[in-house]
PDB file of N, CA and C in Angstrom:
ATOM      1  N   MET A   1     -16.577-121.867 -67.720  1.00  0.00           N
ATOM      2  CA  MET A   1     -15.913-121.989 -66.428  1.00  0.00           C
ATOM      3  C   MET A   1     -14.577-122.699 -66.619  1.00  0.00           C
ATOM      4  N   ILE A   2     -13.607-122.247 -65.902  1.00  0.00           N
ATOM      5  CA  ILE A   2     -12.283-122.865 -65.927  1.00  0.00           C
ATOM      6  C   ILE A   2     -12.255-123.998 -64.912  1.00  0.00           C
ATOM      7  N   HIS A   3     -11.669-125.110 -65.323  1.00  0.00           N
ATOM      8  CA  HIS A   3     -11.486-126.262 -64.445  1.00  0.00           C
ATOM      9  C   HIS A   3      -9.990-126.495 -64.290  1.00  0.00           C
ATOM     10  N   ILE A   4      -9.537-126.611 -63.080  1.00  0.00           N
ATOM     11  CA  ILE A   4      -8.138-126.894 -62.777  1.00  0.00           C
ATOM     12  C   ILE A   4      -8.066-128.320 -62.245  1.00  0.00           C
ATOM     13  N   VAL A   5      -7.122-129.104 -62.764  1.00  0.00           N
ATOM     14  CA  VAL A   5      -6.966-130.487 -62.327  1.00  0.00           C
ATOM     15  C   VAL A   5      -5.576-130.658 -61.724  1.00  0.00           C
ATOM     16  N   LEU A   6      -5.520-131.140 -60.502  1.00  0.00           N
ATOM     17  CA  LEU A   6      -4.247-131.475 -59.864  1.00  0.00           C
ATOM     18  C   LEU A   6      -4.124-132.989 -59.832  1.00  0.00           C
ATOM     19  N   TYR A   7      -3.064-133.490 -60.426  1.00  0.00           N
ATOM     20  CA  TYR A   7      -2.828-134.927 -60.447  1.00  0.00           C
ATOM     21  C   TYR A   7      -1.817-135.291 -59.373  1.00  0.00           C
ATOM     22  N   ARG A   8      -2.284-135.985 -58.369  1.00  0.00           N
ATOM     23  CA  ARG A   8      -1.463-136.460 -57.263  1.00  0.00           C
ATOM     24  C   ARG A   8      -0.563-135.353 -56.681  1.00  0.00           C
ATOM     25  N   PRO A   9      -1.162-134.266 -56.226  1.00  0.00           N
ATOM     26  CA  PRO A   9      -0.350-133.189 -55.649  1.00  0.00           C
ATOM     27  C   PRO A   9       0.417-133.691 -54.425  1.00  0.00           C
ATOM     28  N   GLU A  10       1.621-133.181 -54.252  1.00  0.00           N
ATOM     29  CA  GLU A  10       2.511-133.663 -53.195  1.00  0.00           C
ATOM     30  C   GLU A  10       2.652-132.703 -52.026  1.00  0.00           C
ATOM     31  N   LYS A  11       2.385-131.440 -52.245  1.00  0.00           N
ATOM     32  CA  LYS A  11       2.640-130.444 -51.206  1.00  0.00           C
ATOM     33  C   LYS A  11       1.335-129.805 -50.738  1.00  0.00           C
ATOM     34  N   PRO A  12       1.024-129.965 -49.464  1.00  0.00           N
ATOM     35  CA  PRO A  12      -0.239-129.404 -48.968  1.00  0.00           C
ATOM     36  C   PRO A  12      -0.309-127.879 -49.069  1.00  0.00           C
ATOM     37  N   LEU A  13       0.793-127.188 -48.866  1.00  0.00           N
ATOM     38  CA  LEU A  13       0.760-125.717 -48.966  1.00  0.00           C
ATOM     39  C   LEU A  13       0.446-125.270 -50.387  1.00  0.00           C
ATOM     40  N   ASN A  14       1.066-125.902 -51.383  1.00  0.00           N
ATOM     41  CA  ASN A  14       0.784-125.553 -52.782  1.00  0.00           C
ATOM     42  C   ASN A  14      -0.661-125.863 -53.135  1.00  0.00           C
ATOM     43  N   THR A  15      -1.154-127.003 -52.663  1.00  0.00           N
ATOM     44  CA  THR A  15      -2.539-127.381 -52.922  1.00  0.00           C
ATOM     45  C   THR A  15      -3.491-126.370 -52.292  1.00  0.00           C
ATOM     46  N   GLY A  16      -3.212-125.952 -51.077  1.00  0.00           N
ATOM     47  CA  GLY A  16      -4.028-124.932 -50.415  1.00  0.00           C
ATOM     48  C   GLY A  16      -4.018-123.614 -51.165  1.00  0.00           C
ATOM     49  N   ASN A  17      -2.862-123.222 -51.671  1.00  0.00           N
ATOM     50  CA  ASN A  17      -2.776-121.979 -52.441  1.00  0.00           C
ATOM     51  C   ASN A  17      -3.579-122.074 -53.735  1.00  0.00           C
ATOM     52  N   ILE A  18      -3.537-123.222 -54.390  1.00  0.00           N
ATOM     53  CA  ILE A  18      -4.318-123.417 -55.617  1.00  0.00           C
ATOM     54  C   ILE A  18      -5.803-123.428 -55.288  1.00  0.00           C
ATOM     55  N   MET A  19      -6.161-124.001 -54.155  1.00  0.00           N
ATOM     56  CA  MET A  19      -7.558-123.982 -53.721  1.00  0.00           C
ATOM     57  C   MET A  19      -8.035-122.537 -53.541  1.00  0.00           C
ATOM     58  N   ARG A  20      -7.217-121.717 -52.933  1.00  0.00           N
ATOM     59  CA  ARG A  20      -7.573-120.307 -52.719  1.00  0.00           C
ATOM     60  C   ARG A  20      -7.711-119.584 -54.049  1.00  0.00           C
ATOM     61  N   THR A  21      -6.795-119.837 -54.982  1.00  0.00           N
ATOM     62  CA  THR A  21      -6.856-119.205 -56.297  1.00  0.00           C
ATOM     63  C   THR A  21      -8.112-119.624 -57.052  1.00  0.00           C
ATOM     64  N   CYS A  22      -8.456-120.913 -56.984  1.00  0.00           N
ATOM     65  CA  CYS A  22      -9.674-121.395 -57.645  1.00  0.00           C
ATOM     66  C   CYS A  22     -10.913-120.747 -57.043  1.00  0.00           C
ATOM     67  N   SER A  23     -10.939-120.603 -55.747  1.00  0.00           N
ATOM     68  CA  SER A  23     -12.070-119.971 -55.089  1.00  0.00           C
ATOM     69  C   SER A  23     -12.197-118.506 -55.509  1.00  0.00           C
ATOM     70  N   ALA A  24     -11.084-117.806 -55.554  1.00  0.00           N
ATOM     71  CA  ALA A  24     -11.099-116.381 -55.909  1.00  0.00           C
ATOM     72  C   ALA A  24     -11.469-116.159 -57.375  1.00  0.00           C
ATOM     73  N   SER A  25     -11.144-117.124 -58.241  1.00  0.00           N
ATOM     74  CA  SER A  25     -11.418-116.969 -59.671  1.00  0.00           C
ATOM     75  C   SER A  25     -12.672-117.725 -60.118  1.00  0.00           C
ATOM     76  N   SER A  26     -13.415-118.278 -59.152  1.00  0.00           N
ATOM     77  CA  SER A  26     -14.623-119.067 -59.441  1.00  0.00           C
ATOM     78  C   SER A  26     -14.337-120.232 -60.378  1.00  0.00           C
ATOM     79  N   SER A  27     -13.155-120.821 -60.236  1.00  0.00           N
ATOM     80  CA  SER A  27     -12.773-121.992 -61.018  1.00  0.00           C
ATOM     81  C   SER A  27     -13.132-123.249 -60.245  1.00  0.00           C
ATOM     82  N   GLU A  28     -13.374-124.319 -60.963  1.00  0.00           N
ATOM     83  CA  GLU A  28     -13.691-125.594 -60.331  1.00  0.00           C
ATOM     84  C   GLU A  28     -12.404-126.416 -60.238  1.00  0.00           C
ATOM     85  N   LEU A  29     -12.161-126.986 -59.075  1.00  0.00           N
ATOM     86  CA  LEU A  29     -10.929-127.743 -58.841  1.00  0.00           C
ATOM     87  C   LEU A  29     -11.227-129.233 -58.807  1.00  0.00           C
ATOM     88  N   HIS A  30     -10.405-130.003 -59.504  1.00  0.00           N
ATOM     89  CA  HIS A  30     -10.484-131.460 -59.508  1.00  0.00           C
ATOM     90  C   HIS A  30      -9.150-131.973 -58.963  1.00  0.00           C
ATOM     91  N   ILE A  31      -9.199-132.778 -57.929  1.00  0.00           N
ATOM     92  CA  ILE A  31      -7.983-133.334 -57.326  1.00  0.00           C
ATOM     93  C   ILE A  31      -7.990-134.835 -57.541  1.00  0.00           C
ATOM     94  N   ILE A  32      -6.942-135.332 -58.189  1.00  0.00           N
ATOM     95  CA  ILE A  32      -6.814-136.759 -58.461  1.00  0.00           C
ATOM     96  C   ILE A  32      -5.774-137.342 -57.520  1.00  0.00           C
ATOM     97  N   GLY A  33      -6.160-138.345 -56.761  1.00  0.00           N
ATOM     98  CA  GLY A  33      -5.276-138.983 -55.790  1.00  0.00           C
ATOM     99  C   GLY A  33      -4.581-140.190 -56.367  1.00  0.00           C
ATOM    100  N   PRO A  34      -3.885-140.891 -55.545  1.00  0.00           N
ATOM    101  CA  PRO A  34      -3.875-140.758 -54.095  1.00  0.00           C
ATOM    102  C   PRO A  34      -3.011-139.588 -53.635  1.00  0.00           C
ATOM    103  N   LEU A  35      -3.319-139.107 -52.448  1.00  0.00           N
ATOM    104  CA  LEU A  35      -2.582-137.990 -51.862  1.00  0.00           C
ATOM    105  C   LEU A  35      -1.648-138.499 -50.767  1.00  0.00           C
ATOM    106  N   SER A  36      -0.565-137.784 -50.568  1.00  0.00           N
ATOM    107  CA  SER A  36       0.362-138.125 -49.483  1.00  0.00           C
ATOM    108  C   SER A  36       0.034-137.328 -48.217  1.00  0.00           C
ATOM    109  N   PHE A  37      -1.072-136.580 -48.245  1.00  0.00           N
ATOM    110  CA  PHE A  37      -1.498-135.761 -47.113  1.00  0.00           C
ATOM    111  C   PHE A  37      -3.022-135.749 -47.091  1.00  0.00           C
ATOM    112  N   SER A  38      -3.575-135.257 -46.028  1.00  0.00           N
ATOM    113  CA  SER A  38      -5.020-135.174 -45.884  1.00  0.00           C
ATOM    114  C   SER A  38      -5.506-133.790 -46.312  1.00  0.00           C
ATOM    115  N   LEU A  39      -6.660-133.737 -46.908  1.00  0.00           N
ATOM    116  CA  LEU A  39      -7.238-132.442 -47.277  1.00  0.00           C
ATOM    117  C   LEU A  39      -7.702-131.663 -46.053  1.00  0.00           C
ATOM    118  N   ASP A  40      -7.663-132.296 -44.898  1.00  0.00           N
ATOM    119  CA  ASP A  40      -8.049-131.625 -43.653  1.00  0.00           C
ATOM    120  C   ASP A  40      -6.853-131.073 -42.882  1.00  0.00           C
ATOM    121  N   GLU A  41      -5.645-131.247 -43.417  1.00  0.00           N
ATOM    122  CA  GLU A  41      -4.450-130.826 -42.688  1.00  0.00           C
ATOM    123  C   GLU A  41      -4.431-129.318 -42.455  1.00  0.00           C
ATOM    124  N   LYS A  42      -3.771-128.938 -41.391  1.00  0.00           N
ATOM    125  CA  LYS A  42      -3.721-127.516 -41.033  1.00  0.00           C
ATOM    126  C   LYS A  42      -2.987-126.692 -42.086  1.00  0.00           C
ATOM    127  N   ASP A  43      -2.010-127.283 -42.797  1.00  0.00           N
ATOM    128  CA  ASP A  43      -1.288-126.542 -43.832  1.00  0.00           C
ATOM    129  C   ASP A  43      -2.220-126.095 -44.962  1.00  0.00           C
ATOM    130  N   ILE A  44      -3.124-126.968 -45.361  1.00  0.00           N
ATOM    131  CA  ILE A  44      -4.073-126.607 -46.410  1.00  0.00           C
ATOM    132  C   ILE A  44      -5.018-125.532 -45.905  1.00  0.00           C
ATOM    133  N   LYS A  45      -5.498-125.706 -44.705  1.00  0.00           N
ATOM    134  CA  LYS A  45      -6.420-124.715 -44.156  1.00  0.00           C
ATOM    135  C   LYS A  45      -5.732-123.362 -43.980  1.00  0.00           C
ATOM    136  N   ARG A  46      -4.461-123.377 -43.591  1.00  0.00           N
ATOM    137  CA  ARG A  46      -3.723-122.125 -43.421  1.00  0.00           C
ATOM    138  C   ARG A  46      -3.536-121.442 -44.773  1.00  0.00           C
ATOM    139  N   ALA A  47      -3.163-122.213 -45.798  1.00  0.00           N
ATOM    140  CA  ALA A  47      -2.937-121.633 -47.116  1.00  0.00           C
ATOM    141  C   ALA A  47      -4.244-121.220 -47.773  1.00  0.00           C
ATOM    142  N   GLY A  48      -5.303-122.004 -47.565  1.00  0.00           N
ATOM    143  CA  GLY A  48      -6.588-121.709 -48.181  1.00  0.00           C
ATOM    144  C   GLY A  48      -7.415-120.696 -47.418  1.00  0.00           C
ATOM    145  N   LEU A  49      -7.039-120.471 -46.170  1.00  0.00           N
ATOM    146  CA  LEU A  49      -7.757-119.545 -45.297  1.00  0.00           C
ATOM    147  C   LEU A  49      -9.246-119.837 -45.275  1.00  0.00           C
ATOM    148  N   ASP A  50     -10.053-118.833 -45.361  1.00  0.00           N
ATOM    149  CA  ASP A  50     -11.499-119.025 -45.299  1.00  0.00           C
ATOM    150  C   ASP A  50     -12.115-119.322 -46.666  1.00  0.00           C
ATOM    151  N   TYR A  51     -11.285-119.323 -47.704  1.00  0.00           N
ATOM    152  CA  TYR A  51     -11.809-119.519 -49.045  1.00  0.00           C
ATOM    153  C   TYR A  51     -12.262-120.953 -49.296  1.00  0.00           C
ATOM    154  N   ILE A  52     -11.743-121.899 -48.549  1.00  0.00           N
ATOM    155  CA  ILE A  52     -12.029-123.306 -48.805  1.00  0.00           C
ATOM    156  C   ILE A  52     -13.513-123.609 -48.674  1.00  0.00           C
ATOM    157  N   THR A  53     -14.198-122.923 -47.801  1.00  0.00           N
ATOM    158  CA  THR A  53     -15.630-123.189 -47.625  1.00  0.00           C
ATOM    159  C   THR A  53     -16.445-122.825 -48.861  1.00  0.00           C
ATOM    160  N   SER A  54     -15.981-121.884 -49.667  1.00  0.00           N
ATOM    161  CA  SER A  54     -16.711-121.495 -50.880  1.00  0.00           C
ATOM    162  C   SER A  54     -16.149-122.154 -52.137  1.00  0.00           C
ATOM    163  N   LEU A  55     -15.194-123.030 -51.972  1.00  0.00           N
ATOM    164  CA  LEU A  55     -14.547-123.687 -53.109  1.00  0.00           C
ATOM    165  C   LEU A  55     -15.401-124.833 -53.631  1.00  0.00           C
ATOM    166  N   ASN A  56     -15.502-124.931 -54.938  1.00  0.00           N
ATOM    167  CA  ASN A  56     -16.181-126.059 -55.588  1.00  0.00           C
ATOM    168  C   ASN A  56     -15.102-127.018 -56.072  1.00  0.00           C
ATOM    169  N   TYR A  57     -14.913-128.127 -55.350  1.00  0.00           N
ATOM    170  CA  TYR A  57     -13.897-129.087 -55.761  1.00  0.00           C
ATOM    171  C   TYR A  57     -14.409-130.515 -55.683  1.00  0.00           C
ATOM    172  N   HIS A  58     -13.737-131.375 -56.464  1.00  0.00           N
ATOM    173  CA  HIS A  58     -14.086-132.795 -56.532  1.00  0.00           C
ATOM    174  C   HIS A  58     -12.813-133.596 -56.306  1.00  0.00           C
ATOM    175  N   TYR A  59     -12.938-134.700 -55.600  1.00  0.00           N
ATOM    176  CA  TYR A  59     -11.791-135.587 -55.368  1.00  0.00           C
ATOM    177  C   TYR A  59     -12.050-136.909 -56.071  1.00  0.00           C
ATOM    178  N   TYR A  60     -11.037-137.424 -56.752  1.00  0.00           N
ATOM    179  CA  TYR A  60     -11.101-138.705 -57.447  1.00  0.00           C
ATOM    180  C   TYR A  60      -9.986-139.590 -56.918  1.00  0.00           C
ATOM    181  N   ASP A  61     -10.268-140.861 -56.723  1.00  0.00           N
ATOM    182  CA  ASP A  61      -9.259-141.789 -56.215  1.00  0.00           C
ATOM    183  C   ASP A  61      -8.132-142.033 -57.205  1.00  0.00           C
ATOM    184  N   ASN A  62      -8.429-141.949 -58.512  1.00  0.00           N
ATOM    185  CA  ASN A  62      -7.403-142.180 -59.530  1.00  0.00           C
ATOM    186  C   ASN A  62      -7.815-141.514 -60.840  1.00  0.00           C
ATOM    187  N   TYR A  63      -6.920-141.556 -61.812  1.00  0.00           N
ATOM    188  CA  TYR A  63      -7.143-140.897 -63.103  1.00  0.00           C
ATOM    189  C   TYR A  63      -8.309-141.527 -63.863  1.00  0.00           C
ATOM    190  N   ASP A  64      -8.434-142.840 -63.799  1.00  0.00           N
ATOM    191  CA  ASP A  64      -9.529-143.524 -64.489  1.00  0.00           C
ATOM    192  C   ASP A  64     -10.892-143.050 -63.985  1.00  0.00           C
ATOM    193  N   GLU A  65     -11.009-142.861 -62.688  1.00  0.00           N
ATOM    194  CA  GLU A  65     -12.261-142.357 -62.117  1.00  0.00           C
ATOM    195  C   GLU A  65     -12.551-140.939 -62.612  1.00  0.00           C
ATOM    196  N   PHE A  66     -11.515-140.124 -62.707  1.00  0.00           N
ATOM    197  CA  PHE A  66     -11.671-138.756 -63.216  1.00  0.00           C
ATOM    198  C   PHE A  66     -12.202-138.772 -64.646  1.00  0.00           C
ATOM    199  N   ILE A  67     -11.607-139.595 -65.516  1.00  0.00           N
ATOM    200  CA  ILE A  67     -12.042-139.681 -66.909  1.00  0.00           C
ATOM    201  C   ILE A  67     -13.463-140.227 -67.002  1.00  0.00           C
ATOM    202  N   LYS A  68     -13.796-141.200 -66.180  1.00  0.00           N
ATOM    203  CA  LYS A  68     -15.141-141.767 -66.179  1.00  0.00           C
ATOM    204  C   LYS A  68     -16.193-140.719 -65.805  1.00  0.00           C
ATOM    205  N   GLU A  69     -15.877-139.867 -64.831  1.00  0.00           N
ATOM    206  CA  GLU A  69     -16.803-138.835 -64.382  1.00  0.00           C
ATOM    207  C   GLU A  69     -16.859-137.626 -65.317  1.00  0.00           C
ATOM    208  N   ASN A  70     -15.830-137.464 -66.163  1.00  0.00           N
ATOM    209  CA  ASN A  70     -15.735-136.322 -67.082  1.00  0.00           C
ATOM    210  C   ASN A  70     -15.408-136.829 -68.486  1.00  0.00           C
ATOM    211  N   PRO A  71     -16.321-137.539 -69.144  1.00  0.00           N
ATOM    212  CA  PRO A  71     -15.995-138.232 -70.391  1.00  0.00           C
ATOM    213  C   PRO A  71     -15.701-137.338 -71.592  1.00  0.00           C
ATOM    214  N   ASN A  72     -16.290-136.170 -71.674  1.00  0.00           N
ATOM    215  CA  ASN A  72     -16.120-135.320 -72.865  1.00  0.00           C
ATOM    216  C   ASN A  72     -15.293-134.074 -72.578  1.00  0.00           C
ATOM    217  N   ILE A  73     -14.371-134.193 -71.688  1.00  0.00           N
ATOM    218  CA  ILE A  73     -13.588-133.026 -71.278  1.00  0.00           C
ATOM    219  C   ILE A  73     -12.390-132.827 -72.215  1.00  0.00           C
ATOM    220  N   ASN A  74     -12.112-131.569 -72.541  1.00  0.00           N
ATOM    221  CA  ASN A  74     -10.905-131.230 -73.297  1.00  0.00           C
ATOM    222  C   ASN A  74      -9.810-130.921 -72.299  1.00  0.00           C
ATOM    223  N   LEU A  75      -8.705-131.641 -72.386  1.00  0.00           N
ATOM    224  CA  LEU A  75      -7.626-131.471 -71.428  1.00  0.00           C
ATOM    225  C   LEU A  75      -6.402-130.842 -72.073  1.00  0.00           C
ATOM    226  N   TYR A  76      -5.774-129.956 -71.344  1.00  0.00           N
ATOM    227  CA  TYR A  76      -4.485-129.386 -71.716  1.00  0.00           C
ATOM    228  C   TYR A  76      -3.547-129.703 -70.564  1.00  0.00           C
ATOM    229  N   TYR A  77      -2.530-130.468 -70.825  1.00  0.00           N
ATOM    230  CA  TYR A  77      -1.597-130.879 -69.776  1.00  0.00           C
ATOM    231  C   TYR A  77      -0.492-129.840 -69.643  1.00  0.00           C
ATOM    232  N   VAL A  78      -0.307-129.353 -68.434  1.00  0.00           N
ATOM    233  CA  VAL A  78       0.734-128.375 -68.147  1.00  0.00           C
ATOM    234  C   VAL A  78       1.643-128.980 -67.087  1.00  0.00           C
ATOM    235  N   THR A  79       2.928-128.974 -67.374  1.00  0.00           N
ATOM    236  CA  THR A  79       3.892-129.543 -66.455  1.00  0.00           C
ATOM    237  C   THR A  79       5.173-128.726 -66.484  1.00  0.00           C
ATOM    238  N   ARG A  80       5.898-128.776 -65.439  1.00  0.00           N
ATOM    239  CA  ARG A  80       7.183-128.054 -65.406  1.00  0.00           C
ATOM    240  C   ARG A  80       8.244-128.774 -66.216  1.00  0.00           C
ATOM    241  N   TYR A  81       7.950-129.982 -66.680  1.00  0.00           N
ATOM    242  CA  TYR A  81       8.922-130.774 -67.438  1.00  0.00           C
ATOM    243  C   TYR A  81       8.789-130.601 -68.946  1.00  0.00           C
ATOM    244  N   SER A  82       7.917-129.742 -69.403  1.00  0.00           N
ATOM    245  CA  SER A  82       7.676-129.544 -70.823  1.00  0.00           C
ATOM    246  C   SER A  82       8.791-128.728 -71.476  1.00  0.00           C
ATOM    247  N   ASN A  83       8.919-128.880 -72.778  1.00  0.00           N
ATOM    248  CA  ASN A  83       9.880-128.087 -73.550  1.00  0.00           C
ATOM    249  C   ASN A  83       9.249-126.795 -74.055  1.00  0.00           C
ATOM    250  N   LYS A  84       7.930-126.664 -73.910  1.00  0.00           N
ATOM    251  CA  LYS A  84       7.221-125.471 -74.356  1.00  0.00           C
ATOM    252  C   LYS A  84       6.603-124.764 -73.161  1.00  0.00           C
ATOM    253  N   VAL A  85       6.440-123.482 -73.292  1.00  0.00           N
ATOM    254  CA  VAL A  85       5.815-122.670 -72.257  1.00  0.00           C
ATOM    255  C   VAL A  85       4.299-122.704 -72.475  1.00  0.00           C
ATOM    256  N   TYR A  86       3.533-122.716 -71.398  1.00  0.00           N
ATOM    257  CA  TYR A  86       2.069-122.806 -71.506  1.00  0.00           C
ATOM    258  C   TYR A  86       1.479-121.691 -72.356  1.00  0.00           C
ATOM    259  N   SER A  87       2.115-120.537 -72.420  1.00  0.00           N
ATOM    260  CA  SER A  87       1.576-119.407 -73.171  1.00  0.00           C
ATOM    261  C   SER A  87       1.782-119.550 -74.684  1.00  0.00           C
ATOM    262  N   GLU A  88       2.483-120.577 -75.140  1.00  0.00           N
ATOM    263  CA  GLU A  88       2.703-120.802 -76.574  1.00  0.00           C
ATOM    264  C   GLU A  88       1.503-121.455 -77.258  1.00  0.00           C
ATOM    265  N   PHE A  89       0.531-121.942 -76.500  1.00  0.00           N
ATOM    266  CA  PHE A  89      -0.588-122.679 -77.062  1.00  0.00           C
ATOM    267  C   PHE A  89      -1.810-121.806 -77.252  1.00  0.00           C
ATOM    268  N   ASP A  90      -2.594-122.125 -78.277  1.00  0.00           N
ATOM    269  CA  ASP A  90      -3.881-121.478 -78.499  1.00  0.00           C
ATOM    270  C   ASP A  90      -4.944-122.424 -77.953  1.00  0.00           C
ATOM    271  N   TYR A  91      -5.419-122.161 -76.761  1.00  0.00           N
ATOM    272  CA  TYR A  91      -6.354-123.045 -76.083  1.00  0.00           C
ATOM    273  C   TYR A  91      -7.763-123.013 -76.681  1.00  0.00           C
ATOM    274  N   SER A  92      -8.026-122.090 -77.580  1.00  0.00           N
ATOM    275  CA  SER A  92      -9.347-122.025 -78.197  1.00  0.00           C
ATOM    276  C   SER A  92      -9.508-123.051 -79.314  1.00  0.00           C
ATOM    277  N   LYS A  93      -8.416-123.585 -79.832  1.00  0.00           N
ATOM    278  CA  LYS A  93      -8.473-124.594 -80.900  1.00  0.00           C
ATOM    279  C   LYS A  93      -8.482-125.967 -80.242  1.00  0.00           C
ATOM    280  N   LYS A  94      -9.639-126.630 -80.301  1.00  0.00           N
ATOM    281  CA  LYS A  94      -9.813-127.882 -79.570  1.00  0.00           C
ATOM    282  C   LYS A  94      -9.369-129.116 -80.345  1.00  0.00           C
ATOM    283  N   ASP A  95      -9.206-129.029 -81.665  1.00  0.00           N
ATOM    284  CA  ASP A  95      -8.900-130.219 -82.444  1.00  0.00           C
ATOM    285  C   ASP A  95      -7.453-130.249 -82.947  1.00  0.00           C
ATOM    286  N   ILE A  96      -6.561-129.640 -82.217  1.00  0.00           N
ATOM    287  CA  ILE A  96      -5.147-129.621 -82.601  1.00  0.00           C
ATOM    288  C   ILE A  96      -4.367-130.598 -81.757  1.00  0.00           C
ATOM    289  N   ASP A  97      -3.509-131.353 -82.383  1.00  0.00           N
ATOM    290  CA  ASP A  97      -2.656-132.290 -81.671  1.00  0.00           C
ATOM    291  C   ASP A  97      -1.335-131.594 -81.358  1.00  0.00           C
ATOM    292  N   TYR A  98      -1.112-131.299 -80.096  1.00  0.00           N
ATOM    293  CA  TYR A  98       0.137-130.652 -79.697  1.00  0.00           C
ATOM    294  C   TYR A  98       1.182-131.688 -79.489  1.00  0.00           C
TER     295      TYR A  98
END
């Protein structure tokens, strides 16, 4: 199963769209706060439509709580600030230091 982690998302519409994508792809969503918006806001519900009810997601107050709840997780950090494109990595190799 694919797990998507959002670290302190700032835009409710983007978060709602990611929620919809996770629901459609049967991916599990992890949201790490704090958030600047409520997960109950109308923007999230509008972007997520009816998919939110079937979404499997977890909310964590901070990064430390996320790591504590998921101790043996393999993480790949993807950011728009990287010098490499996400498609340059071989995600099947778990013991490589990028």
